[in-house]
Amino acid sequence: MTTLLVMTTQPTIDIPGDVLRPGDADYDSTRAVFNRMIDRRPAAILRCHGPEDIARGIESARKHDLVIAVRGGGHNVAGTSVCDGGIMLDLSALKSLQVDPDRRLATAGAGLLLGELDGGTQRHGLATPLGVMSGTGIAGLTLGGGLGWLNGRHGLACDNLISAEVVTADSRILAVGPHEHPDLLWGLRGGGGNLGVVTSFTYRLHPIGSVLAGGLAYPWAAAPDVLRFHHEFMASAPDDLTSAVSLGVGPSGKPALSIAVCWCGPPDQGEALLRPLRAFGNPIVDDIASRPYLAWQSAPDPGFPLGRLHYWKSGYLRYLTDAAIDTLLDVVTRMPPGASGIGLQGLRGAASRIAPDATAFPHRAPQDDLLILAQWEHDRDSASIIAWARDAFAAMRPHLEDAVYVNNLGAEGPERVLAAYRGNHSRLAALKHTYDPTNVFRMNQNVAPAALGT
């Protein structure tokens, strides 16, 4: 154990533990996050190996009024897991995983990535709903909601969170569950990192083996009809089917449309159900096939390498009207060449039927999470690509709900945080006052304590 002396405008601060500081060998690689637009330099990075380390880090930050950033997987586009001049709590070493196949439960350390958790549970033919890219951290994904391929049948990641271990703003280590601090459990199910540092998550598991999954690609001329048909088709689809639409610029430099599907029910039923979708619009690619769930979960990984610059805009699209389709296709035709895209990720089935106030995640209606995902390689392209993304969002905004998925938010201000939590915001603010009254955990999509205003 070492002690880092951090020099600030205040007296010298003693921070015990496994600490990195500017100039240390692993400092730059540890502070780097998924989005290369984020380049912040903490005064200290505390590499946490258990809840006691986290508690000491919080105590030091509170004592000397330093901002705290909490890094799980570092995948958040807003870059809230790293700060300037404060203390970064690095949870990446917390990779424990215990799977109880008989009780269908998994307890996972907060440093695990989706692929690591999926890999452990799939050894038993089990899974919990997570995201769609194996490099995402489980912590941020779950705390913000967790959209993925199993949502239709089994709900969101946060809906399957049944207990957690949490370090609070006053450095207490709490066991949180239905009978211990149930109010805090409600807030962890979608409330982001506002209420504490979660060190472990216990999830409900479900039998999942191979899935019928893959993609359909279409001629651009067919895009309007395909989008309408897909929207109507999914409106009556069984819970076992989820889908996602992708629009972008293909390798030829021309606009492209594809639809990915995942059926987690009996394979023969899925084949019959998908036949009309696979026949419509003369798809030029159809690679839908039975494949291991683990392989499908990692299929998008090559499209999201580390080190790219990212700028996202997002909102919920409930009604795919003809006007919305026209606008959507128009903004795609003006998309700069490269790796950017627009996605429509379906939120339907079981995830849409839960009461909006049952968890902190409030967006409980059949709809699509529309994500304008701009990503690029070179700094010289930043201004033009960001301008396109902003223009695309402004054009689509009249067709969107006054709502947004918190995990897709950049630094967009308090009004957008209100849109992320809608009717649950006041209850979250009250919880914040109970568990973090001085807003120690403010490096996030922040819900201020009720006593401090909203």
Protein backbone atom coordinates (compact mmCIF):
# COMPACT_ATOMS: atom_id res chain seq x y z
CA MET A 1 0.00 0.00 0.00
CA THR A 2 1.26 3.47 -0.86
CA THR A 3 0.15 6.91 0.19
CA LEU A 4 -0.23 9.64 -2.43
CA LEU A 5 0.32 13.24 -1.42
CA VAL A 6 -1.96 15.24 -3.71
CA MET A 7 -1.08 18.94 -3.88
CA THR A 8 -4.10 21.17 -4.30
CA THR A 9 -4.96 24.72 -3.35
CA GLN A 10 -5.78 23.21 0.06
CA PRO A 11 -3.32 21.54 2.43
CA THR A 12 -1.59 18.33 1.34
CA ILE A 13 -4.00 15.37 1.22
CA ASP A 14 -3.18 11.84 2.32
CA ILE A 15 -4.97 9.20 0.20
CA PRO A 16 -4.05 5.65 1.25
CA GLY A 17 -4.28 2.80 -1.23
CA ASP A 18 -3.23 1.70 -4.71
CA VAL A 19 -2.92 5.14 -6.29
CA LEU A 20 -1.85 6.49 -9.67
CA ARG A 21 -0.83 10.08 -10.20
CA PRO A 22 0.15 12.12 -13.27
CA GLY A 23 3.42 10.79 -14.62
CA ASP A 24 2.94 7.22 -13.38
CA ALA A 25 3.24 4.48 -16.00
CA ASP A 26 -0.43 3.45 -16.09
CA TYR A 27 -1.95 6.87 -15.40
CA ASP A 28 -2.82 7.81 -18.99
CA SER A 29 -4.17 4.39 -19.98
CA THR A 30 -6.33 4.24 -16.84
CA ARG A 31 -7.83 7.71 -17.25
CA ALA A 32 -8.63 7.08 -20.94
CA VAL A 33 -12.27 6.28 -21.70
CA PHE A 34 -14.23 4.97 -24.66
CA ASN A 35 -14.89 8.45 -26.10
CA ARG A 36 -11.63 10.11 -27.19
CA MET A 37 -13.32 13.52 -27.07
CA ILE A 38 -12.95 13.22 -23.29
CA ASP A 39 -9.45 14.12 -22.08
CA ARG A 40 -9.54 14.82 -18.35
CA ARG A 41 -6.76 14.53 -15.80
CA PRO A 42 -7.64 13.47 -12.24
CA ALA A 43 -5.35 14.55 -9.44
CA ALA A 44 -5.39 10.92 -8.32
CA ILE A 45 -6.70 7.60 -9.55
CA LEU A 46 -7.52 5.22 -6.72
CA ARG A 47 -7.51 1.65 -8.00
CA CYS A 48 -10.13 0.01 -5.83
CA HIS A 49 -9.94 -3.64 -4.83
CA GLY A 50 -12.97 -3.71 -2.55
CA PRO A 51 -15.62 -1.54 -0.91
CA GLU A 52 -13.24 -0.43 1.84
CA ASP A 53 -10.98 1.23 -0.76
CA ILE A 54 -13.99 3.05 -2.20
CA ALA A 55 -15.09 4.19 1.25
CA ARG A 56 -11.62 5.60 1.98
CA GLY A 57 -11.54 7.37 -1.37
CA ILE A 58 -14.92 8.97 -0.75
CA GLU A 59 -13.86 10.03 2.75
CA SER A 60 -10.72 11.70 1.40
CA ALA A 61 -12.64 13.48 -1.36
CA ARG A 62 -15.25 14.77 1.09
CA LYS A 63 -12.62 15.94 3.56
CA HIS A 64 -10.82 18.02 0.96
CA ASP A 65 -13.80 18.95 -1.22
CA LEU A 66 -12.57 17.12 -4.32
CA VAL A 67 -14.90 15.96 -7.06
CA ILE A 68 -15.30 12.18 -7.42
CA ALA A 69 -15.60 10.30 -10.69
CA VAL A 70 -16.46 6.58 -10.70
CA ARG A 71 -15.16 4.39 -13.50
CA GLY A 72 -16.63 0.97 -14.20
CA GLY A 73 -16.16 0.18 -17.89
CA GLY A 74 -15.49 3.77 -19.00
CA HIS A 75 -17.98 3.42 -21.86
CA ASN A 76 -20.28 6.36 -21.10
CA VAL A 77 -20.29 8.83 -24.00
CA ALA A 78 -20.41 11.85 -21.65
CA GLY A 79 -17.16 10.71 -20.04
CA THR A 80 -18.50 11.13 -16.51
CA SER A 81 -16.21 8.36 -15.25
CA VAL A 82 -13.17 10.67 -15.32
CA CYS A 83 -12.72 14.15 -13.82
CA ASP A 84 -10.28 17.02 -13.86
CA GLY A 85 -8.41 17.68 -10.64
CA GLY A 86 -10.38 15.30 -8.44
CA ILE A 87 -10.28 11.65 -7.45
CA MET A 88 -11.18 8.94 -9.92
CA LEU A 89 -12.36 5.71 -8.29
CA ASP A 90 -11.30 2.98 -10.71
CA LEU A 91 -13.46 -0.13 -10.21
CA SER A 92 -12.01 -2.12 -13.13
CA ALA A 93 -10.35 -4.63 -10.78
CA LEU A 94 -13.71 -5.63 -9.26
CA LYS A 95 -14.28 -8.60 -11.55
CA SER A 96 -15.63 -11.25 -9.21
CA LEU A 97 -18.50 -13.39 -10.47
CA GLN A 98 -20.52 -16.02 -8.61
CA VAL A 99 -23.21 -17.88 -10.51
CA ASP A 100 -25.82 -19.98 -8.71
CA PRO A 101 -27.43 -22.00 -11.51
CA ASP A 102 -29.94 -23.66 -9.19
CA ARG A 103 -31.34 -20.37 -7.92
CA ARG A 104 -30.66 -18.66 -11.26
CA LEU A 105 -28.71 -15.81 -9.70
CA ALA A 106 -25.42 -14.11 -10.51
CA THR A 107 -23.49 -11.73 -8.28
CA ALA A 108 -21.12 -9.67 -10.39
CA GLY A 109 -18.37 -7.21 -9.49
CA ALA A 110 -18.83 -3.68 -10.77
CA GLY A 111 -15.71 -3.84 -12.92
CA LEU A 112 -17.03 -6.58 -15.18
CA LEU A 113 -17.75 -5.93 -18.84
CA LEU A 114 -20.82 -7.37 -20.55
CA GLY A 115 -18.82 -10.05 -22.33
CA GLU A 116 -17.28 -11.19 -19.07
CA LEU A 117 -20.62 -11.50 -17.31
CA ASP A 118 -22.24 -13.16 -20.32
CA GLY A 119 -19.34 -15.58 -20.61
CA GLY A 120 -19.72 -16.66 -16.99
CA THR A 121 -23.48 -17.12 -17.05
CA GLN A 122 -23.52 -18.83 -20.45
CA ARG A 123 -21.39 -21.65 -19.08
CA HIS A 124 -24.60 -22.63 -17.29
CA GLY A 125 -26.93 -21.85 -20.22
CA LEU A 126 -28.16 -18.74 -18.45
CA ALA A 127 -28.17 -14.99 -19.09
CA THR A 128 -29.50 -11.73 -17.73
CA PRO A 129 -30.60 -8.90 -20.02
CA LEU A 130 -27.69 -6.59 -20.73
CA GLY A 131 -26.64 -4.38 -23.65
CA VAL A 132 -25.60 -5.17 -27.19
CA MET A 133 -21.80 -4.74 -27.18
CA SER A 134 -19.50 -6.90 -25.10
CA GLY A 135 -17.07 -4.10 -24.18
CA THR A 136 -19.66 -2.09 -22.23
CA GLY A 137 -19.35 -2.04 -18.44
CA ILE A 138 -22.20 -3.69 -16.56
CA ALA A 139 -22.33 -0.97 -13.89
CA GLY A 140 -23.22 2.10 -15.93
CA LEU A 141 -25.46 0.09 -18.22
CA THR A 142 -27.51 -1.39 -15.36
CA LEU A 143 -27.73 1.81 -13.33
CA GLY A 144 -29.10 3.66 -16.36
CA GLY A 145 -31.61 1.01 -17.41
CA GLY A 146 -30.01 -1.45 -19.81
CA LEU A 147 -31.49 -1.93 -23.29
CA GLY A 148 -30.59 -5.14 -25.08
CA TRP A 149 -31.74 -8.21 -26.97
CA LEU A 150 -33.65 -9.91 -24.14
CA ASN A 151 -35.79 -6.92 -23.08
CA GLY A 152 -38.94 -8.13 -24.78
CA ARG A 153 -39.03 -11.39 -22.86
CA HIS A 154 -37.24 -10.54 -19.62
CA GLY A 155 -37.23 -6.75 -19.15
CA LEU A 156 -34.30 -4.36 -18.82
CA ALA A 157 -31.05 -5.01 -17.01
CA CYS A 158 -32.27 -2.85 -14.11
CA ASP A 159 -35.49 -4.87 -13.89
CA ASN A 160 -33.40 -7.96 -13.22
CA LEU A 161 -31.28 -6.32 -10.53
CA ILE A 162 -32.49 -7.83 -7.25
CA SER A 163 -29.82 -6.64 -4.81
CA ALA A 164 -26.54 -4.76 -4.64
CA GLU A 165 -23.68 -3.72 -2.39
CA VAL A 166 -23.37 0.07 -2.27
CA VAL A 167 -20.92 2.53 -0.74
CA THR A 168 -22.77 5.71 0.14
CA ALA A 169 -21.65 9.34 0.22
CA ASP A 170 -20.86 9.07 3.94
CA SER A 171 -18.69 5.98 3.28
CA ARG A 172 -21.15 3.44 4.67
CA ILE A 173 -21.15 0.02 3.00
CA LEU A 174 -24.76 -1.11 2.59
CA ALA A 175 -26.40 -4.36 1.53
CA VAL A 176 -29.34 -3.21 -0.59
CA GLY A 177 -32.30 -5.37 -1.55
CA PRO A 178 -36.06 -5.76 -1.34
CA HIS A 179 -35.93 -5.85 2.45
CA GLU A 180 -32.84 -3.71 3.14
CA HIS A 181 -33.05 -0.15 1.88
CA PRO A 182 -35.71 -0.93 -0.74
CA ASP A 183 -35.97 2.78 -1.55
CA LEU A 184 -32.33 2.76 -2.60
CA LEU A 185 -32.87 -0.36 -4.72
CA TRP A 186 -35.67 1.49 -6.53
CA GLY A 187 -33.26 4.33 -7.30
CA LEU A 188 -30.47 2.04 -8.48
CA ARG A 189 -32.85 0.59 -11.05
CA GLY A 190 -32.29 3.32 -13.61
CA GLY A 191 -31.23 6.30 -11.49
CA GLY A 192 -27.63 6.31 -12.69
CA GLY A 193 -24.71 6.94 -10.37
CA ASN A 194 -26.52 9.55 -8.28
CA LEU A 195 -27.04 7.56 -5.09
CA GLY A 196 -23.80 5.74 -4.35
CA VAL A 197 -21.00 3.58 -5.71
CA VAL A 198 -22.23 0.06 -6.44
CA THR A 199 -19.52 -2.54 -5.88
CA SER A 200 -21.54 -5.62 -6.85
CA PHE A 201 -24.82 -6.42 -8.58
CA THR A 202 -26.98 -9.50 -8.06
CA TYR A 203 -29.06 -10.34 -11.12
CA ARG A 204 -31.89 -12.72 -11.89
CA LEU A 205 -30.87 -15.19 -14.64
CA HIS A 206 -32.90 -16.84 -17.39
CA PRO A 207 -32.34 -19.93 -19.55
CA ILE A 208 -30.79 -18.75 -22.84
CA GLY A 209 -28.89 -20.96 -25.27
CA SER A 210 -28.72 -20.36 -28.99
CA VAL A 211 -30.78 -17.55 -30.50
CA LEU A 212 -32.17 -17.05 -33.98
CA ALA A 213 -30.45 -13.82 -34.89
CA GLY A 214 -28.85 -11.85 -37.67
CA GLY A 215 -29.36 -9.00 -40.07
CA LEU A 216 -31.27 -8.01 -43.17
CA ALA A 217 -29.91 -5.36 -45.54
CA TYR A 218 -32.04 -3.59 -48.16
CA PRO A 219 -31.75 -1.48 -51.27
CA TRP A 220 -32.02 2.18 -50.28
CA ALA A 221 -34.98 2.69 -52.61
CA ALA A 222 -36.96 0.23 -50.47
CA ALA A 223 -36.21 2.06 -47.20
CA PRO A 224 -39.56 3.90 -46.74
CA ASP A 225 -41.66 0.78 -47.28
CA VAL A 226 -39.34 -1.42 -45.21
CA LEU A 227 -39.42 0.99 -42.26
CA ARG A 228 -43.23 1.11 -42.32
CA PHE A 229 -43.57 -2.66 -42.62
CA HIS A 230 -41.04 -3.33 -39.86
CA HIS A 231 -42.79 -0.88 -37.52
CA GLU A 232 -46.16 -2.56 -38.07
CA PHE A 233 -44.64 -6.04 -37.88
CA MET A 234 -43.00 -5.36 -34.51
CA ALA A 235 -46.16 -3.78 -33.07
CA SER A 236 -47.75 -7.25 -32.87
CA ALA A 237 -44.60 -9.35 -32.45
CA PRO A 238 -44.29 -11.80 -29.53
CA ASP A 239 -42.08 -10.91 -26.58
CA ASP A 240 -39.36 -13.32 -27.70
CA LEU A 241 -38.52 -11.09 -30.69
CA THR A 242 -36.50 -7.90 -30.48
CA SER A 243 -35.15 -5.81 -33.34
CA ALA A 244 -32.99 -2.82 -34.14
CA VAL A 245 -32.83 -0.66 -37.27
CA SER A 246 -29.54 0.83 -38.48
CA LEU A 247 -29.13 3.58 -41.05
CA GLY A 248 -25.82 4.88 -42.29
CA VAL A 249 -23.46 5.28 -45.21
CA GLY A 250 -22.29 1.97 -46.65
CA PRO A 251 -18.84 1.09 -48.02
CA SER A 252 -19.98 2.30 -51.44
CA GLY A 253 -20.57 5.78 -50.04
CA LYS A 254 -24.32 5.45 -50.50
CA PRO A 255 -27.01 5.40 -47.78
CA ALA A 256 -27.77 1.98 -46.36
CA LEU A 257 -30.53 0.40 -44.26
CA SER A 258 -30.36 -2.79 -42.22
CA ILE A 259 -32.49 -4.50 -39.59
CA ALA A 260 -31.11 -6.83 -36.95
CA VAL A 261 -33.35 -9.29 -35.11
CA CYS A 262 -33.01 -11.65 -32.17
CA TRP A 263 -35.51 -14.40 -31.35
CA CYS A 264 -34.94 -16.10 -27.99
CA GLY A 265 -37.86 -18.55 -28.15
CA PRO A 266 -38.24 -21.98 -29.79
CA PRO A 267 -36.30 -21.93 -33.09
CA ASP A 268 -39.05 -23.40 -35.28
CA GLN A 269 -41.53 -20.78 -34.07
CA GLY A 270 -39.01 -18.05 -34.79
CA GLU A 271 -38.39 -19.29 -38.32
CA ALA A 272 -42.12 -19.20 -39.06
CA LEU A 273 -42.64 -15.83 -37.42
CA LEU A 274 -39.78 -14.12 -39.27
CA ARG A 275 -40.74 -15.41 -42.70
CA PRO A 276 -42.85 -12.37 -43.68
CA LEU A 277 -40.17 -9.93 -42.55
CA ARG A 278 -37.45 -11.79 -44.42
CA ALA A 279 -39.55 -11.85 -47.58
CA PHE A 280 -40.50 -8.17 -47.61
CA GLY A 281 -38.55 -5.54 -49.54
CA ASN A 282 -36.21 -7.90 -51.41
CA PRO A 283 -33.34 -7.86 -48.89
CA ILE A 284 -29.92 -8.02 -50.50
CA VAL A 285 -28.42 -9.65 -47.39
CA ASP A 286 -30.05 -12.14 -45.03
CA ASP A 287 -27.73 -13.77 -42.50
CA ILE A 288 -30.33 -14.67 -39.89
CA ALA A 289 -29.36 -18.03 -38.42
CA SER A 290 -29.20 -19.95 -35.18
CA ARG A 291 -26.09 -18.91 -33.29
CA PRO A 292 -24.77 -18.92 -29.72
CA TYR A 293 -26.12 -16.04 -27.66
CA LEU A 294 -22.57 -15.15 -26.62
CA ALA A 295 -21.53 -14.74 -30.25
CA TRP A 296 -24.53 -12.51 -30.99
CA GLN A 297 -23.76 -10.31 -27.97
CA SER A 298 -20.28 -9.58 -29.32
CA ALA A 299 -21.21 -9.27 -33.01
CA PRO A 300 -21.26 -5.42 -33.03
CA ASP A 301 -17.87 -5.08 -31.31
CA PRO A 302 -15.78 -4.43 -34.46
CA GLY A 303 -17.92 -1.38 -35.22
CA PHE A 304 -17.01 0.31 -31.92
CA PRO A 305 -13.23 0.15 -31.47
CA LEU A 306 -11.60 2.07 -28.64
CA GLY A 307 -10.03 5.39 -29.51
CA ARG A 308 -12.65 6.97 -31.74
CA LEU A 309 -14.25 10.33 -31.09
CA HIS A 310 -17.97 10.18 -30.27
CA TYR A 311 -20.88 12.62 -30.18
CA TRP A 312 -24.40 11.29 -29.56
CA LYS A 313 -27.90 12.73 -29.61
CA SER A 314 -30.90 10.67 -28.62
CA GLY A 315 -34.63 10.54 -27.94
CA TYR A 316 -37.58 8.15 -27.92
CA LEU A 317 -39.58 7.68 -31.12
CA ARG A 318 -43.00 6.25 -30.33
CA TYR A 319 -44.84 6.91 -33.60
CA LEU A 320 -43.06 6.24 -36.89
CA THR A 321 -45.21 8.51 -39.06
CA ASP A 322 -44.62 9.13 -42.74
CA ALA A 323 -43.26 12.57 -41.83
CA ALA A 324 -40.82 10.99 -39.37
CA ILE A 325 -39.67 8.52 -42.02
CA ASP A 326 -39.15 11.28 -44.58
CA THR A 327 -37.11 13.33 -42.11
CA LEU A 328 -35.06 10.34 -40.99
CA LEU A 329 -34.13 9.33 -44.51
CA ASP A 330 -33.30 12.90 -45.44
CA VAL A 331 -30.81 13.34 -42.58
CA VAL A 332 -29.16 10.03 -43.51
CA THR A 333 -28.53 11.25 -47.05
CA ARG A 334 -26.62 14.19 -45.54
CA MET A 335 -24.57 12.00 -43.17
CA PRO A 336 -20.80 12.47 -43.59
CA PRO A 337 -18.92 9.40 -44.87
CA GLY A 338 -17.42 7.23 -42.18
CA ALA A 339 -18.54 5.17 -39.21
CA SER A 340 -21.49 7.24 -37.97
CA GLY A 341 -25.02 5.92 -37.97
CA ILE A 342 -28.56 6.28 -36.71
CA GLY A 343 -30.08 3.43 -34.74
CA LEU A 344 -33.61 2.59 -33.67
CA GLN A 345 -33.41 0.10 -30.80
CA GLY A 346 -36.77 -1.40 -29.90
CA LEU A 347 -38.13 -1.18 -26.36
CA ARG A 348 -41.16 -3.47 -26.38
CA GLY A 349 -42.66 -6.49 -24.67
CA ALA A 350 -42.03 -7.05 -20.97
CA ALA A 351 -39.80 -3.96 -20.65
CA SER A 352 -42.60 -1.73 -21.91
CA ARG A 353 -45.32 -3.12 -19.64
CA ILE A 354 -43.74 -2.37 -16.26
CA ALA A 355 -45.32 0.58 -14.44
CA PRO A 356 -43.35 3.81 -15.08
CA ASP A 357 -42.93 4.39 -11.33
CA ALA A 358 -41.96 0.82 -10.48
CA THR A 359 -38.28 1.66 -11.07
CA ALA A 360 -36.37 4.90 -11.57
CA PHE A 361 -36.32 4.13 -15.31
CA PRO A 362 -39.63 5.68 -16.46
CA HIS A 363 -39.88 5.04 -20.22
CA ARG A 364 -42.38 2.19 -20.19
CA ALA A 365 -44.17 2.18 -23.53
CA PRO A 366 -43.61 0.40 -26.85
CA GLN A 367 -41.19 2.66 -28.69
CA ASP A 368 -37.75 2.95 -30.22
CA ASP A 369 -34.69 4.50 -28.68
CA LEU A 370 -33.43 6.68 -31.53
CA LEU A 371 -29.70 7.26 -31.31
CA ILE A 372 -27.77 9.57 -33.62
CA LEU A 373 -24.34 8.06 -33.09
CA ALA A 374 -21.59 10.13 -34.64
CA GLN A 375 -18.15 8.54 -34.42
CA TRP A 376 -14.99 9.39 -36.33
CA GLU A 377 -11.21 9.00 -36.34
CA HIS A 378 -9.62 12.40 -36.89
CA ASP A 379 -9.86 15.63 -34.91
CA ARG A 380 -9.98 17.63 -38.14
CA ASP A 381 -13.43 16.18 -38.88
CA SER A 382 -14.97 17.04 -35.51
CA ALA A 383 -16.69 20.31 -36.38
CA SER A 384 -18.46 19.05 -39.51
CA ILE A 385 -19.58 15.74 -38.01
CA ILE A 386 -20.85 17.30 -34.78
CA ALA A 387 -22.73 19.90 -36.83
CA TRP A 388 -24.39 17.11 -38.84
CA ALA A 389 -25.42 15.27 -35.65
CA ARG A 390 -26.91 18.40 -34.11
CA ASP A 391 -28.78 19.27 -37.30
CA ALA A 392 -30.08 15.70 -37.58
CA PHE A 393 -31.38 15.79 -34.02
CA ALA A 394 -32.99 19.20 -34.52
CA ALA A 395 -34.77 17.85 -37.60
CA MET A 396 -35.99 14.71 -35.80
CA ARG A 397 -36.91 16.37 -32.50
CA PRO A 398 -40.50 17.30 -33.50
CA HIS A 399 -41.16 13.58 -34.01
CA LEU A 400 -39.69 12.49 -30.66
CA GLU A 401 -41.14 12.22 -27.18
CA ASP A 402 -39.98 14.65 -24.50
CA ALA A 403 -37.88 11.80 -23.14
CA VAL A 404 -34.37 10.38 -23.46
CA TYR A 405 -32.44 7.29 -22.36
CA VAL A 406 -30.02 8.52 -19.72
CA ASN A 407 -27.21 6.23 -20.92
CA ASN A 408 -27.20 8.05 -24.28
CA LEU A 409 -26.95 11.56 -22.83
CA GLY A 410 -23.93 13.76 -23.32
CA ALA A 411 -23.40 17.03 -21.44
CA GLU A 412 -26.82 18.45 -22.35
CA GLY A 413 -27.94 20.25 -19.20
CA PRO A 414 -30.58 19.85 -16.49
CA GLU A 415 -33.62 19.99 -18.80
CA ARG A 416 -32.45 16.85 -20.58
CA VAL A 417 -31.83 15.14 -17.23
CA LEU A 418 -35.45 15.95 -16.37
CA ALA A 419 -36.47 14.35 -19.68
CA ALA A 420 -34.48 11.25 -18.72
CA TYR A 421 -36.40 10.76 -15.48
CA ARG A 422 -39.72 12.49 -16.17
CA GLY A 423 -42.26 11.77 -13.41
CA ASN A 424 -39.68 9.96 -11.30
CA HIS A 425 -37.33 12.92 -11.02
CA SER A 426 -38.82 14.35 -7.81
CA ARG A 427 -38.64 10.97 -6.07
CA LEU A 428 -35.01 10.60 -7.15
CA ALA A 429 -34.26 14.08 -5.85
CA ALA A 430 -35.77 13.12 -2.48
CA LEU A 431 -33.67 9.94 -2.39
CA LYS A 432 -30.64 11.99 -3.27
CA HIS A 433 -31.33 14.19 -0.25
CA THR A 434 -31.52 11.07 1.93
CA TYR A 435 -28.37 9.31 0.66
CA ASP A 436 -26.25 12.16 -0.72
CA PRO A 437 -27.52 15.46 0.68
CA THR A 438 -24.41 17.45 -0.28
CA ASN A 439 -24.25 16.06 -3.83
CA VAL A 440 -20.92 14.29 -3.42
CA PHE A 441 -21.80 12.14 -6.44
CA ARG A 442 -22.30 14.92 -8.97
CA MET A 443 -20.03 13.70 -11.78
CA ASN A 444 -22.97 12.09 -13.59
CA GLN A 445 -26.28 13.01 -15.20
CA ASN A 446 -26.94 14.79 -11.99
CA VAL A 447 -30.13 14.81 -9.97
CA ALA A 448 -29.58 17.45 -7.30
CA PRO A 449 -30.76 16.73 -3.74
CA ALA A 450 -34.31 17.96 -3.23
CA ALA A 451 -33.23 20.52 -0.63
CA LEU A 452 -30.80 22.06 -3.14
CA GLY A 453 -33.40 22.40 -5.91
CA THR A 454 -33.76 20.52 -9.17
